[in-house]
Amino acid sequence: MSRHAGPPARPTAPEPPEPTYAERARTLVERGRVGMLATLSRRRAGHPFGSVMPFALDASGQPLFLISTLAMHTQNLQADPRASLLVTEPTTEDALAAGRVTLMGEGARVAAAEVPSARAVYLARHPQAASWVDFDDFAFWRLNVGDVYFVGGFGAMDWLTVPDYAAAHADPLADAAPDILEHMNRDHGDALLTFARVLGGEQADEATMTAVDRLGFQLRLRRGEALSGCRIAFPREVTSAPSCREVLIEMLAECRRRG
């Protein structure tokens, strides 16, 4: 006689694929232009000193700064190179639900042989700096990253290895994502609700696309007064706005075919 009390449990569906934390961190930092640089104060020993800091990234994702010897943060770095750079995801909603990355390491002046490449990278990101890049008191500095901490919102956080961060690439949809979100939420709310019900297996009264990347998208769902979320995977990797539109149309057609 069987000892089983009932039918075997159904296999759990695999979680929709998502970019790694390293990829999400690299995407956030590469899209950023300004962070908060924390150095150790010379005036008050051991105290962190925060500065608004424009930055660009070198090929391995290490921040480059163009800073003056007159600036307090430069003087702090000259006395103690330890520093960190906080980069946050722009948001008009809950800042604690947005992504942020803290890069920790040591600051050092860029070597003379590397200045031309640092200059090109920095001015491509901050063209207005051409007005002062050649001033005698300005120099390029690099934060040599020794640790990376990523927070992707509530419940999504971890330390990353520097090699993983350095090897990661920014998500190819990152620049197009704001327009995709705006368009889908403004014009295709019914399609998002269909995706939630058919592909996500979620009963909802309203669905809003809150994030999109090369592997899929995130929906915020409302049913009555209750809020929840789900992730929907793309059937294949998406690397541009036109290909995203094409795949979403295919997905909607598949949902309608299923009835």
Protein backbone atom coordinates (compact mmCIF):
# COMPACT_ATOMS: atom_id res chain seq x y z
CA MET A 1 0.00 0.00 0.00
CA SER A 2 1.29 3.45 -0.88
CA ARG A 3 2.46 5.61 1.99
CA HIS A 4 1.73 8.79 0.10
CA ALA A 5 -1.16 10.80 1.47
CA GLY A 6 -1.98 12.43 -1.85
CA PRO A 7 -0.88 13.05 -5.42
CA PRO A 8 2.71 14.20 -5.98
CA ALA A 9 3.26 17.92 -5.77
CA ARG A 10 3.46 19.78 -9.05
CA PRO A 11 6.94 20.97 -9.96
CA THR A 12 7.54 24.59 -9.11
CA ALA A 13 7.87 26.84 -12.16
CA PRO A 14 11.34 28.33 -12.55
CA GLU A 15 11.76 31.95 -11.59
CA PRO A 16 11.90 34.36 -14.56
CA PRO A 17 15.51 35.21 -15.39
CA GLU A 18 16.88 38.54 -14.21
CA PRO A 19 20.12 40.45 -14.71
CA THR A 20 22.71 39.70 -12.04
CA TYR A 21 23.30 42.20 -9.26
CA ALA A 22 26.67 42.95 -10.88
CA GLU A 23 24.96 43.84 -14.16
CA ARG A 24 22.36 45.94 -12.39
CA ALA A 25 25.04 47.77 -10.43
CA ARG A 26 27.15 48.42 -13.52
CA THR A 27 24.08 49.65 -15.41
CA LEU A 28 23.16 52.07 -12.64
CA VAL A 29 26.68 53.47 -12.32
CA GLU A 30 27.23 53.78 -16.07
CA ARG A 31 23.98 55.71 -16.46
CA GLY A 32 24.89 58.01 -13.58
CA ARG A 33 26.70 61.31 -13.93
CA VAL A 34 26.89 62.59 -10.37
CA GLY A 35 27.38 60.81 -7.05
CA MET A 36 28.23 61.59 -3.45
CA LEU A 37 31.93 61.23 -2.73
CA ALA A 38 32.80 60.50 0.89
CA THR A 39 36.36 61.23 2.00
CA LEU A 40 37.94 61.31 5.45
CA SER A 41 38.07 64.81 6.88
CA ARG A 42 41.40 66.40 7.69
CA ARG A 43 39.65 68.99 9.84
CA ARG A 44 37.80 66.45 11.99
CA ALA A 45 39.86 63.27 12.02
CA GLY A 46 37.88 60.13 11.27
CA HIS A 47 34.72 61.96 10.20
CA PRO A 48 33.30 61.31 6.73
CA PHE A 49 33.11 64.37 4.49
CA GLY A 50 30.51 64.24 1.69
CA SER A 51 30.84 66.08 -1.63
CA VAL A 52 28.68 66.23 -4.74
CA MET A 53 30.91 64.68 -7.40
CA PRO A 54 30.49 64.45 -11.19
CA PHE A 55 32.20 61.32 -12.50
CA ALA A 56 32.82 59.18 -15.56
CA LEU A 57 33.84 55.52 -15.75
CA ASP A 58 36.90 53.89 -17.22
CA ALA A 59 36.69 50.58 -19.08
CA SER A 60 36.65 48.52 -15.87
CA GLY A 61 33.95 50.62 -14.20
CA GLN A 62 36.23 52.65 -11.93
CA PRO A 63 35.11 56.26 -11.41
CA LEU A 64 37.16 59.13 -12.80
CA PHE A 65 36.99 62.60 -11.23
CA LEU A 66 38.26 65.97 -12.40
CA ILE A 67 39.01 67.83 -9.17
CA SER A 68 40.84 70.94 -8.01
CA THR A 69 43.62 71.02 -5.45
CA LEU A 70 41.65 73.82 -3.79
CA ALA A 71 38.70 71.52 -3.08
CA MET A 72 38.34 70.08 0.41
CA HIS A 73 37.76 66.54 -0.89
CA THR A 74 41.05 66.70 -2.84
CA GLN A 75 42.92 67.78 0.26
CA ASN A 76 41.26 64.96 2.18
CA LEU A 77 42.33 62.41 -0.45
CA GLN A 78 45.90 63.69 -0.39
CA ALA A 79 46.01 63.06 3.35
CA ASP A 80 44.12 59.72 3.29
CA PRO A 81 43.15 58.05 -0.01
CA ARG A 82 40.28 56.00 1.41
CA ALA A 83 36.94 57.04 -0.08
CA SER A 84 33.59 55.83 -1.35
CA LEU A 85 31.20 56.96 -4.05
CA LEU A 86 27.43 56.57 -3.68
CA VAL A 87 25.44 56.56 -6.92
CA THR A 88 21.65 56.47 -6.77
CA GLU A 89 18.96 55.75 -9.31
CA PRO A 90 16.92 58.87 -10.12
CA THR A 91 13.36 58.61 -8.83
CA THR A 92 10.42 60.84 -8.06
CA GLU A 93 8.83 58.17 -5.84
CA ASP A 94 10.17 56.26 -2.83
CA ALA A 95 13.95 56.74 -2.76
CA LEU A 96 14.39 53.64 -0.58
CA ALA A 97 12.77 51.50 -3.28
CA ALA A 98 15.23 52.75 -5.91
CA GLY A 99 18.59 51.21 -6.76
CA ARG A 100 21.90 52.49 -5.43
CA VAL A 101 25.52 51.42 -5.50
CA THR A 102 28.37 52.23 -3.12
CA LEU A 103 31.86 51.90 -4.58
CA MET A 104 34.59 51.75 -1.93
CA GLY A 105 38.31 52.06 -2.54
CA GLU A 106 41.25 54.42 -2.64
CA GLY A 107 41.63 57.59 -4.66
CA ALA A 108 44.77 58.28 -6.68
CA ARG A 109 45.83 60.74 -9.34
CA VAL A 110 45.65 59.32 -12.83
CA ALA A 111 49.12 58.56 -14.18
CA ALA A 112 50.38 60.98 -16.84
CA ALA A 113 50.32 58.31 -19.56
CA GLU A 114 46.62 57.65 -18.88
CA VAL A 115 45.48 61.28 -18.73
CA PRO A 116 44.59 61.55 -22.47
CA SER A 117 42.21 58.58 -22.28
CA ALA A 118 40.76 59.77 -18.96
CA ARG A 119 40.25 63.22 -20.44
CA ALA A 120 38.42 61.83 -23.47
CA VAL A 121 36.15 59.63 -21.37
CA TYR A 122 35.39 62.39 -18.88
CA LEU A 123 34.65 65.11 -21.46
CA ALA A 124 32.38 62.75 -23.38
CA ARG A 125 30.32 62.47 -20.20
CA HIS A 126 30.72 66.08 -19.04
CA PRO A 127 31.40 68.30 -22.09
CA GLN A 128 30.94 71.48 -20.03
CA ALA A 129 34.13 70.59 -18.15
CA ALA A 130 36.12 71.61 -21.24
CA SER A 131 35.93 75.15 -19.83
CA TRP A 132 38.19 74.26 -16.86
CA VAL A 133 39.87 70.95 -17.71
CA ASP A 134 43.16 72.69 -18.53
CA PHE A 135 43.32 74.89 -15.42
CA ASP A 136 46.58 74.32 -13.56
CA ASP A 137 44.90 73.40 -10.29
CA PHE A 138 42.71 70.67 -11.81
CA ALA A 139 43.77 67.04 -12.21
CA PHE A 140 42.18 63.68 -12.97
CA TRP A 141 41.76 61.22 -10.12
CA ARG A 142 40.52 57.63 -10.13
CA LEU A 143 38.76 55.70 -7.38
CA ASN A 144 40.47 52.30 -7.43
CA VAL A 145 37.51 50.15 -6.43
CA GLY A 146 38.14 47.56 -3.73
CA ASP A 147 34.54 46.71 -2.77
CA VAL A 148 31.05 47.15 -4.20
CA TYR A 149 27.72 47.15 -2.35
CA PHE A 150 24.47 47.06 -4.34
CA VAL A 151 20.93 47.75 -3.18
CA GLY A 152 18.20 47.15 -5.74
CA GLY A 153 15.28 48.19 -3.55
CA PHE A 154 13.57 46.48 -0.63
CA GLY A 155 14.97 43.00 -0.02
CA ALA A 156 17.51 43.12 -2.87
CA MET A 157 21.03 43.84 -1.63
CA ASP A 158 24.45 42.25 -1.45
CA TRP A 159 28.20 42.77 -1.59
CA LEU A 160 29.59 42.14 -5.09
CA THR A 161 33.01 40.92 -6.04
CA VAL A 162 35.12 43.50 -7.84
CA PRO A 163 35.90 41.09 -10.74
CA ASP A 164 32.16 40.46 -11.28
CA TYR A 165 31.45 44.19 -11.25
CA ALA A 166 34.36 44.96 -13.59
CA ALA A 167 33.34 42.25 -16.08
CA ALA A 168 29.64 43.21 -16.13
CA HIS A 169 28.11 45.27 -18.93
CA ALA A 170 25.38 47.86 -18.73
CA ASP A 171 21.97 46.61 -19.78
CA PRO A 172 21.43 47.43 -23.49
CA LEU A 173 17.89 48.66 -22.80
CA ALA A 174 18.92 51.03 -20.02
CA ASP A 175 18.77 54.25 -22.05
CA ALA A 176 15.51 53.29 -23.76
CA ALA A 177 13.80 51.99 -20.60
CA PRO A 178 12.22 55.29 -19.42
CA ASP A 179 10.51 55.81 -22.80
CA ILE A 180 9.36 52.18 -22.92
CA LEU A 181 7.84 52.44 -19.45
CA GLU A 182 6.13 55.74 -20.22
CA HIS A 183 4.68 54.42 -23.49
CA MET A 184 3.45 51.10 -22.11
CA ASN A 185 1.85 52.63 -19.03
CA ARG A 186 0.22 55.46 -20.97
CA ASP A 187 -1.05 53.54 -24.00
CA HIS A 188 -1.10 49.82 -23.22
CA GLY A 189 -2.50 49.27 -19.76
CA ASP A 190 -4.82 46.53 -21.08
CA ALA A 191 -1.86 44.65 -22.56
CA LEU A 192 0.01 44.84 -19.25
CA LEU A 193 -3.03 43.46 -17.44
CA THR A 194 -3.19 40.62 -19.97
CA PHE A 195 0.49 39.82 -19.40
CA ALA A 196 -0.11 39.72 -15.64
CA ARG A 197 -3.10 37.38 -15.92
CA VAL A 198 -1.93 35.04 -18.69
CA LEU A 199 1.86 34.98 -18.33
CA GLY A 200 2.17 35.83 -14.65
CA GLY A 201 -0.85 33.86 -13.45
CA GLU A 202 -1.90 36.85 -11.36
CA GLN A 203 -5.41 38.16 -10.92
CA ALA A 204 -5.29 41.94 -10.90
CA ASP A 205 -7.44 44.97 -11.60
CA GLU A 206 -4.52 47.13 -12.77
CA ALA A 207 -0.95 46.57 -13.90
CA THR A 208 1.89 49.07 -14.22
CA MET A 209 5.29 48.38 -15.78
CA THR A 210 7.90 49.59 -13.31
CA ALA A 211 11.14 48.24 -14.84
CA VAL A 212 12.35 46.65 -18.06
CA ASP A 213 15.67 45.09 -19.03
CA ARG A 214 17.08 42.78 -21.68
CA LEU A 215 15.56 39.67 -20.05
CA GLY A 216 12.07 40.85 -19.08
CA PHE A 217 10.01 43.37 -17.16
CA GLN A 218 8.54 44.00 -13.74
CA LEU A 219 4.86 44.73 -13.10
CA ARG A 220 3.27 46.38 -10.08
CA LEU A 221 -0.22 44.93 -9.62
CA ARG A 222 -3.28 46.21 -7.84
CA ARG A 223 -6.23 44.02 -6.87
CA GLY A 224 -8.74 45.97 -4.85
CA GLU A 225 -6.65 47.71 -2.20
CA ALA A 226 -3.85 45.11 -2.25
CA LEU A 227 -0.58 45.72 -4.09
CA SER A 228 1.83 43.06 -5.33
CA GLY A 229 4.33 42.53 -8.11
CA CYS A 230 5.47 39.98 -10.64
CA ARG A 231 8.20 39.59 -13.21
CA ILE A 232 7.54 38.53 -16.80
CA ALA A 233 10.34 37.06 -18.90
CA PHE A 234 10.91 37.89 -22.54
CA PRO A 235 10.96 34.82 -24.81
CA ARG A 236 14.39 35.95 -26.05
CA GLU A 237 16.92 38.63 -25.17
CA VAL A 238 15.93 42.16 -26.15
CA THR A 239 18.65 44.70 -26.93
CA SER A 240 16.87 47.73 -28.41
CA ALA A 241 13.61 49.67 -28.26
CA PRO A 242 12.43 48.38 -31.70
CA SER A 243 13.15 44.76 -30.75
CA CYS A 244 11.37 45.30 -27.42
CA ARG A 245 8.28 46.53 -29.26
CA GLU A 246 8.43 43.53 -31.59
CA VAL A 247 8.69 41.03 -28.75
CA LEU A 248 5.89 42.65 -26.72
CA ILE A 249 3.58 42.45 -29.74
CA GLU A 250 4.46 38.76 -30.16
CA MET A 251 3.83 38.12 -26.47
CA LEU A 252 0.43 39.80 -26.61
CA ALA A 253 -0.53 37.76 -29.67
CA GLU A 254 0.48 34.58 -27.81
CA CYS A 255 -1.61 35.60 -24.80
CA ARG A 256 -4.64 36.14 -27.04
CA ARG A 257 -4.04 32.80 -28.76
CA ARG A 258 -4.22 31.12 -25.36
CA GLY A 259 -7.63 32.73 -24.91
